[in-house]
């Protein structure tokens, strides 16, 4: 094949790949684009559901739940094998310490009292992460990944925050903030479970 024809073919192939990656499925939730699928440590996860966390009438953040397969109940989320992800994008500026306190209260409101003592080390670590951030601004991202055999990884603005928290009970306690019996936002719970 002559060199100009080969270059043209390579350019067309590169353009086709660029088009495919640019057309990867995304959904728009309150102006935040969420990928329909993500890769977490070599495991492909699909978006189970996404929605907006409201505080009164104010939009606080967009949250998306990623799992290996779609489910519709809290019990199925907790029992699902493999990696899991909660992706949060802020829709307003908020003091990070205050945000951390809301997380802790969400865990306390949704976890059995018998589990609270084993959750304390993870809650202390999460509190440290938020206190180091000072403020979460509109557009900032917070990603919480569960990776079996490794633990819970917390990433803020694309930067992993320290070592993973090993206990799966801690990740499950975090999931219950949104999916437990007293969720942060009932409409968001339904959205994350793909019901709205």
C-alpha atoms as a PDB file:
ATOM      1  CA  UNK A   1       0.000   0.000   0.000  1.00  0.00           C
ATOM      2  CA  UNK A   2       1.457   3.413  -0.933  1.00  0.00           C
ATOM      3  CA  UNK A   3       2.484   5.631   1.998  1.00  0.00           C
ATOM      4  CA  UNK A   4      -0.190   8.356   1.410  1.00  0.00           C
ATOM      5  CA  UNK A   5      -2.955   5.711   1.354  1.00  0.00           C
ATOM      6  CA  UNK A   6      -1.581   4.121   4.534  1.00  0.00           C
ATOM      7  CA  UNK A   7      -1.514   7.519   6.277  1.00  0.00           C
ATOM      8  CA  UNK A   8      -5.081   8.206   5.165  1.00  0.00           C
ATOM      9  CA  UNK A   9      -6.227   4.806   6.482  1.00  0.00           C
ATOM     10  CA  UNK A  10      -4.450   5.373   9.814  1.00  0.00           C
ATOM     11  CA  UNK A  11      -6.018   8.834  10.113  1.00  0.00           C
ATOM     12  CA  UNK A  12      -9.489   7.419   9.422  1.00  0.00           C
ATOM     13  CA  UNK A  13      -8.937   4.636  11.978  1.00  0.00           C
ATOM     14  CA  UNK A  14      -7.829   7.185  14.597  1.00  0.00           C
ATOM     15  CA  UNK A  15     -10.876   9.325  13.797  1.00  0.00           C
ATOM     16  CA  UNK A  16     -13.174   6.306  14.192  1.00  0.00           C
ATOM     17  CA  UNK A  17     -11.681   5.495  17.611  1.00  0.00           C
ATOM     18  CA  UNK A  18     -11.982   9.139  18.695  1.00  0.00           C
ATOM     19  CA  UNK A  19     -15.618   9.177  17.605  1.00  0.00           C
ATOM     20  CA  UNK A  20     -16.352   5.960  19.511  1.00  0.00           C
ATOM     21  CA  UNK A  21     -14.772   7.230  22.717  1.00  0.00           C
ATOM     22  CA  UNK A  22     -16.464  10.624  22.370  1.00  0.00           C
ATOM     23  CA  UNK A  23     -19.830   8.944  21.912  1.00  0.00           C
ATOM     24  CA  UNK A  24     -19.470   6.800  25.039  1.00  0.00           C
ATOM     25  CA  UNK A  25     -22.836   6.809  26.742  1.00  0.00           C
ATOM     26  CA  UNK A  26     -23.349   9.482  29.362  1.00  0.00           C
ATOM     27  CA  UNK A  27     -26.378  10.794  31.151  1.00  0.00           C
ATOM     28  CA  UNK A  28     -26.960  14.351  32.285  1.00  0.00           C
ATOM     29  CA  UNK A  29     -28.229  14.923  35.816  1.00  0.00           C
ATOM     30  CA  UNK A  30     -28.666  18.595  36.763  1.00  0.00           C
ATOM     31  CA  UNK A  31     -25.924  19.566  34.319  1.00  0.00           C
ATOM     32  CA  UNK A  32     -23.472  16.897  35.549  1.00  0.00           C
ATOM     33  CA  UNK A  33     -22.436  14.273  33.003  1.00  0.00           C
ATOM     34  CA  UNK A  34     -22.145  10.737  34.371  1.00  0.00           C
ATOM     35  CA  UNK A  35     -20.667   7.879  32.370  1.00  0.00           C
ATOM     36  CA  UNK A  36     -23.020   4.967  31.808  1.00  0.00           C
ATOM     37  CA  UNK A  37     -20.133   2.618  32.675  1.00  0.00           C
ATOM     38  CA  UNK A  38     -16.789   2.965  34.482  1.00  0.00           C
ATOM     39  CA  UNK A  39     -13.767   0.786  35.138  1.00  0.00           C
ATOM     40  CA  UNK A  40     -12.764   0.228  38.772  1.00  0.00           C
ATOM     41  CA  UNK A  41      -9.536  -1.743  39.111  1.00  0.00           C
ATOM     42  CA  UNK A  42     -10.244  -3.770  35.975  1.00  0.00           C
ATOM     43  CA  UNK A  43     -13.917  -4.360  36.783  1.00  0.00           C
ATOM     44  CA  UNK A  44     -16.503  -2.820  34.490  1.00  0.00           C
ATOM     45  CA  UNK A  45     -19.350  -1.266  36.457  1.00  0.00           C
ATOM     46  CA  UNK A  46     -22.575   0.160  35.082  1.00  0.00           C
ATOM     47  CA  UNK A  47     -24.565   3.087  36.355  1.00  0.00           C
ATOM     48  CA  UNK A  48     -27.351   1.633  38.486  1.00  0.00           C
ATOM     49  CA  UNK A  49     -28.976   5.017  39.078  1.00  0.00           C
ATOM     50  CA  UNK A  50     -28.272   8.696  39.680  1.00  0.00           C
ATOM     51  CA  UNK A  51     -30.012  11.684  41.132  1.00  0.00           C
ATOM     52  CA  UNK A  52     -29.792  14.964  43.008  1.00  0.00           C
ATOM     53  CA  UNK A  53     -29.424  15.361  46.774  1.00  0.00           C
ATOM     54  CA  UNK A  54     -31.659  18.203  47.919  1.00  0.00           C
ATOM     55  CA  UNK A  55     -31.490  20.007  51.252  1.00  0.00           C
ATOM     56  CA  UNK A  56     -34.855  21.745  51.510  1.00  0.00           C
ATOM     57  CA  UNK A  57     -35.119  23.329  48.048  1.00  0.00           C
ATOM     58  CA  UNK A  58     -31.362  23.607  47.447  1.00  0.00           C
ATOM     59  CA  UNK A  59     -29.506  21.238  45.152  1.00  0.00           C
ATOM     60  CA  UNK A  60     -26.441  20.025  47.064  1.00  0.00           C
ATOM     61  CA  UNK A  61     -24.849  17.362  44.851  1.00  0.00           C
ATOM     62  CA  UNK A  62     -25.400  14.760  42.153  1.00  0.00           C
ATOM     63  CA  UNK A  63     -24.742  11.152  43.151  1.00  0.00           C
ATOM     64  CA  UNK A  64     -24.368   8.094  40.952  1.00  0.00           C
ATOM     65  CA  UNK A  65     -24.202   4.448  42.044  1.00  0.00           C
ATOM     66  CA  UNK A  66     -22.148   2.003  39.955  1.00  0.00           C
ATOM     67  CA  UNK A  67     -22.390  -1.783  40.296  1.00  0.00           C
ATOM     68  CA  UNK A  68     -21.473  -4.891  38.306  1.00  0.00           C
ATOM     69  CA  UNK A  69     -25.134  -5.401  37.390  1.00  0.00           C
ATOM     70  CA  UNK A  70     -28.320  -3.442  37.891  1.00  0.00           C
ATOM     71  CA  UNK A  71     -30.290  -4.041  41.084  1.00  0.00           C
ATOM     72  CA  UNK A  72     -33.340  -2.390  42.659  1.00  0.00           C
ATOM     73  CA  UNK A  73     -33.107  -2.910  46.429  1.00  0.00           C
ATOM     74  CA  UNK A  74     -30.714  -1.907  49.192  1.00  0.00           C
ATOM     75  CA  UNK A  75     -30.236  -5.564  50.118  1.00  0.00           C
ATOM     76  CA  UNK A  76     -29.163  -6.389  46.544  1.00  0.00           C
ATOM     77  CA  UNK A  77     -26.677  -3.492  46.552  1.00  0.00           C
ATOM     78  CA  UNK A  78     -25.120  -4.643  49.826  1.00  0.00           C
ATOM     79  CA  UNK A  79     -24.966  -8.279  48.661  1.00  0.00           C
ATOM     80  CA  UNK A  80     -23.661  -7.522  45.154  1.00  0.00           C
ATOM     81  CA  UNK A  81     -20.234  -9.070  44.594  1.00  0.00           C
ATOM     82  CA  UNK A  82     -17.296  -7.201  43.136  1.00  0.00           C
ATOM     83  CA  UNK A  83     -16.349  -3.555  43.044  1.00  0.00           C
ATOM     84  CA  UNK A  84     -18.838  -0.749  43.716  1.00  0.00           C
ATOM     85  CA  UNK A  85     -18.679   3.016  43.333  1.00  0.00           C
ATOM     86  CA  UNK A  86     -20.527   6.073  44.580  1.00  0.00           C
ATOM     87  CA  UNK A  87     -19.622   9.159  42.544  1.00  0.00           C
ATOM     88  CA  UNK A  88     -20.592  12.591  43.892  1.00  0.00           C
ATOM     89  CA  UNK A  89     -20.306  15.947  42.127  1.00  0.00           C
ATOM     90  CA  UNK A  90     -21.004  19.073  44.152  1.00  0.00           C
ATOM     91  CA  UNK A  91     -23.673  21.466  42.906  1.00  0.00           C
ATOM     92  CA  UNK A  92     -22.859  24.139  45.501  1.00  0.00           C
ATOM     93  CA  UNK A  93     -19.993  25.203  47.730  1.00  0.00           C
ATOM     94  CA  UNK A  94     -20.041  23.637  51.188  1.00  0.00           C
ATOM     95  CA  UNK A  95     -17.730  23.605  54.182  1.00  0.00           C
ATOM     96  CA  UNK A  96     -15.989  20.210  54.056  1.00  0.00           C
ATOM     97  CA  UNK A  97     -16.163  19.727  57.842  1.00  0.00           C
ATOM     98  CA  UNK A  98     -19.920  20.283  57.726  1.00  0.00           C
ATOM     99  CA  UNK A  99     -20.190  17.808  54.852  1.00  0.00           C
ATOM    100  CA  UNK A 100     -18.204  15.275  56.887  1.00  0.00           C
ATOM    101  CA  UNK A 101     -20.553  15.735  59.848  1.00  0.00           C
ATOM    102  CA  UNK A 102     -23.506  15.017  57.554  1.00  0.00           C
ATOM    103  CA  UNK A 103     -21.801  11.788  56.445  1.00  0.00           C
ATOM    104  CA  UNK A 104     -21.233  10.751  60.069  1.00  0.00           C
ATOM    105  CA  UNK A 105     -24.841  11.534  60.984  1.00  0.00           C
ATOM    106  CA  UNK A 106     -26.026   9.566  57.931  1.00  0.00           C
ATOM    107  CA  UNK A 107     -23.996   6.542  59.077  1.00  0.00           C
ATOM    108  CA  UNK A 108     -25.319   6.848  62.656  1.00  0.00           C
ATOM    109  CA  UNK A 109     -28.922   7.159  61.462  1.00  0.00           C
ATOM    110  CA  UNK A 110     -28.724   4.090  59.204  1.00  0.00           C
ATOM    111  CA  UNK A 111     -26.395   1.616  60.918  1.00  0.00           C
ATOM    112  CA  UNK A 112     -27.305  -0.853  63.628  1.00  0.00           C
ATOM    113  CA  UNK A 113     -26.001   0.289  67.030  1.00  0.00           C
ATOM    114  CA  UNK A 114     -24.174  -3.033  67.362  1.00  0.00           C
ATOM    115  CA  UNK A 115     -21.970  -2.106  64.359  1.00  0.00           C
ATOM    116  CA  UNK A 116     -21.055   1.432  65.414  1.00  0.00           C
ATOM    117  CA  UNK A 117     -17.930   0.503  67.415  1.00  0.00           C
ATOM    118  CA  UNK A 118     -16.334  -1.209  64.415  1.00  0.00           C
ATOM    119  CA  UNK A 119     -17.151   1.782  62.185  1.00  0.00           C
ATOM    120  CA  UNK A 120     -15.384   4.357  64.382  1.00  0.00           C
ATOM    121  CA  UNK A 121     -11.881   3.980  62.799  1.00  0.00           C
ATOM    122  CA  UNK A 122     -13.336   4.489  59.308  1.00  0.00           C
ATOM    123  CA  UNK A 123     -15.419   7.458  60.439  1.00  0.00           C
ATOM    124  CA  UNK A 124     -12.340   9.058  62.016  1.00  0.00           C
ATOM    125  CA  UNK A 125     -10.425   8.578  58.747  1.00  0.00           C
ATOM    126  CA  UNK A 126     -13.317  10.031  56.742  1.00  0.00           C
ATOM    127  CA  UNK A 127     -13.456  12.998  59.115  1.00  0.00           C
ATOM    128  CA  UNK A 128      -9.713  13.595  58.543  1.00  0.00           C
ATOM    129  CA  UNK A 129     -10.246  13.541  54.774  1.00  0.00           C
ATOM    130  CA  UNK A 130     -12.959  16.189  54.991  1.00  0.00           C
ATOM    131  CA  UNK A 131     -11.073  18.381  57.471  1.00  0.00           C
ATOM    132  CA  UNK A 132      -8.034  18.396  55.132  1.00  0.00           C
ATOM    133  CA  UNK A 133     -10.211  19.613  52.242  1.00  0.00           C
ATOM    134  CA  UNK A 134     -11.544  22.746  54.033  1.00  0.00           C
ATOM    135  CA  UNK A 135     -14.192  23.355  51.377  1.00  0.00           C
ATOM    136  CA  UNK A 136     -15.888  21.447  48.593  1.00  0.00           C
ATOM    137  CA  UNK A 137     -16.740  23.747  45.714  1.00  0.00           C
ATOM    138  CA  UNK A 138     -19.294  23.538  42.936  1.00  0.00           C
ATOM    139  CA  UNK A 139     -18.034  20.979  40.400  1.00  0.00           C
ATOM    140  CA  UNK A 140     -15.706  19.179  42.846  1.00  0.00           C
ATOM    141  CA  UNK A 141     -15.889  15.396  42.767  1.00  0.00           C
ATOM    142  CA  UNK A 142     -15.844  12.833  45.547  1.00  0.00           C
ATOM    143  CA  UNK A 143     -15.555   9.164  44.582  1.00  0.00           C
ATOM    144  CA  UNK A 144     -15.954   6.288  47.027  1.00  0.00           C
ATOM    145  CA  UNK A 145     -14.841   2.925  45.627  1.00  0.00           C
ATOM    146  CA  UNK A 146     -15.179  -0.489  47.230  1.00  0.00           C
ATOM    147  CA  UNK A 147     -12.591  -2.943  45.875  1.00  0.00           C
ATOM    148  CA  UNK A 148     -12.833  -6.494  47.291  1.00  0.00           C
ATOM    149  CA  UNK A 149      -9.621  -7.569  48.966  1.00  0.00           C
ATOM    150  CA  UNK A 150      -8.353  -3.976  49.115  1.00  0.00           C
ATOM    151  CA  UNK A 151     -10.997  -1.849  50.839  1.00  0.00           C
ATOM    152  CA  UNK A 152     -12.719   1.510  50.456  1.00  0.00           C
ATOM    153  CA  UNK A 153     -10.807   4.120  48.464  1.00  0.00           C
ATOM    154  CA  UNK A 154     -11.771   7.781  48.796  1.00  0.00           C
ATOM    155  CA  UNK A 155     -10.834  10.150  45.991  1.00  0.00           C
ATOM    156  CA  UNK A 156     -11.413  13.910  46.157  1.00  0.00           C
ATOM    157  CA  UNK A 157     -10.937  16.088  43.060  1.00  0.00           C
ATOM    158  CA  UNK A 158      -9.158  13.168  41.353  1.00  0.00           C
ATOM    159  CA  UNK A 159      -6.632  12.647  44.191  1.00  0.00           C
ATOM    160  CA  UNK A 160      -6.752   9.455  46.262  1.00  0.00           C
ATOM    161  CA  UNK A 161      -6.892  10.247  49.971  1.00  0.00           C
ATOM    162  CA  UNK A 162      -4.514   7.969  51.859  1.00  0.00           C
ATOM    163  CA  UNK A 163      -4.735   4.243  52.409  1.00  0.00           C
ATOM    164  CA  UNK A 164      -7.943   2.297  51.860  1.00  0.00           C
ATOM    165  CA  UNK A 165     -10.253   1.512  54.752  1.00  0.00           C
ATOM    166  CA  UNK A 166     -10.205  -2.297  54.799  1.00  0.00           C
ATOM    167  CA  UNK A 167     -13.529  -3.277  56.384  1.00  0.00           C
ATOM    168  CA  UNK A 168     -16.451  -3.890  54.028  1.00  0.00           C
ATOM    169  CA  UNK A 169     -18.781  -2.980  56.906  1.00  0.00           C
ATOM    170  CA  UNK A 170     -17.527   0.604  56.565  1.00  0.00           C
ATOM    171  CA  UNK A 171     -18.364   0.804  52.849  1.00  0.00           C
ATOM    172  CA  UNK A 172     -21.774  -0.737  53.556  1.00  0.00           C
ATOM    173  CA  UNK A 173     -22.352   1.883  56.254  1.00  0.00           C
ATOM    174  CA  UNK A 174     -21.545   4.625  53.731  1.00  0.00           C
ATOM    175  CA  UNK A 175     -23.952   3.112  51.170  1.00  0.00           C
ATOM    176  CA  UNK A 176     -26.699   3.172  53.795  1.00  0.00           C
ATOM    177  CA  UNK A 177     -26.348   6.983  54.016  1.00  0.00           C
ATOM    178  CA  UNK A 178     -28.259   7.042  50.723  1.00  0.00           C
ATOM    179  CA  UNK A 179     -29.990   3.648  50.706  1.00  0.00           C
ATOM    180  CA  UNK A 180     -30.680   2.911  54.390  1.00  0.00           C
ATOM    181  CA  UNK A 181     -33.939   3.102  56.349  1.00  0.00           C
ATOM    182  CA  UNK A 182     -33.445   6.847  57.018  1.00  0.00           C
ATOM    183  CA  UNK A 183     -31.738   7.989  53.788  1.00  0.00           C
ATOM    184  CA  UNK A 184     -30.303  11.453  53.245  1.00  0.00           C
ATOM    185  CA  UNK A 185     -32.965  12.035  50.572  1.00  0.00           C
ATOM    186  CA  UNK A 186     -35.814   9.614  49.749  1.00  0.00           C
ATOM    187  CA  UNK A 187     -36.039  10.719  46.117  1.00  0.00           C
ATOM    188  CA  UNK A 188     -32.292  10.238  45.707  1.00  0.00           C
ATOM    189  CA  UNK A 189     -32.611   6.737  47.191  1.00  0.00           C
ATOM    190  CA  UNK A 190     -35.201   5.849  44.561  1.00  0.00           C
ATOM    191  CA  UNK A 191     -33.036   7.359  41.823  1.00  0.00           C
ATOM    192  CA  UNK A 192     -29.917   5.419  42.884  1.00  0.00           C
ATOM    193  CA  UNK A 193     -31.959   2.212  42.892  1.00  0.00           C
ATOM    194  CA  UNK A 194     -33.155   2.998  39.355  1.00  0.00           C
ATOM    195  CA  UNK A 195     -36.766   3.542  40.400  1.00  0.00           C
ATOM    196  CA  UNK A 196     -37.221   7.075  39.065  1.00  0.00           C
END
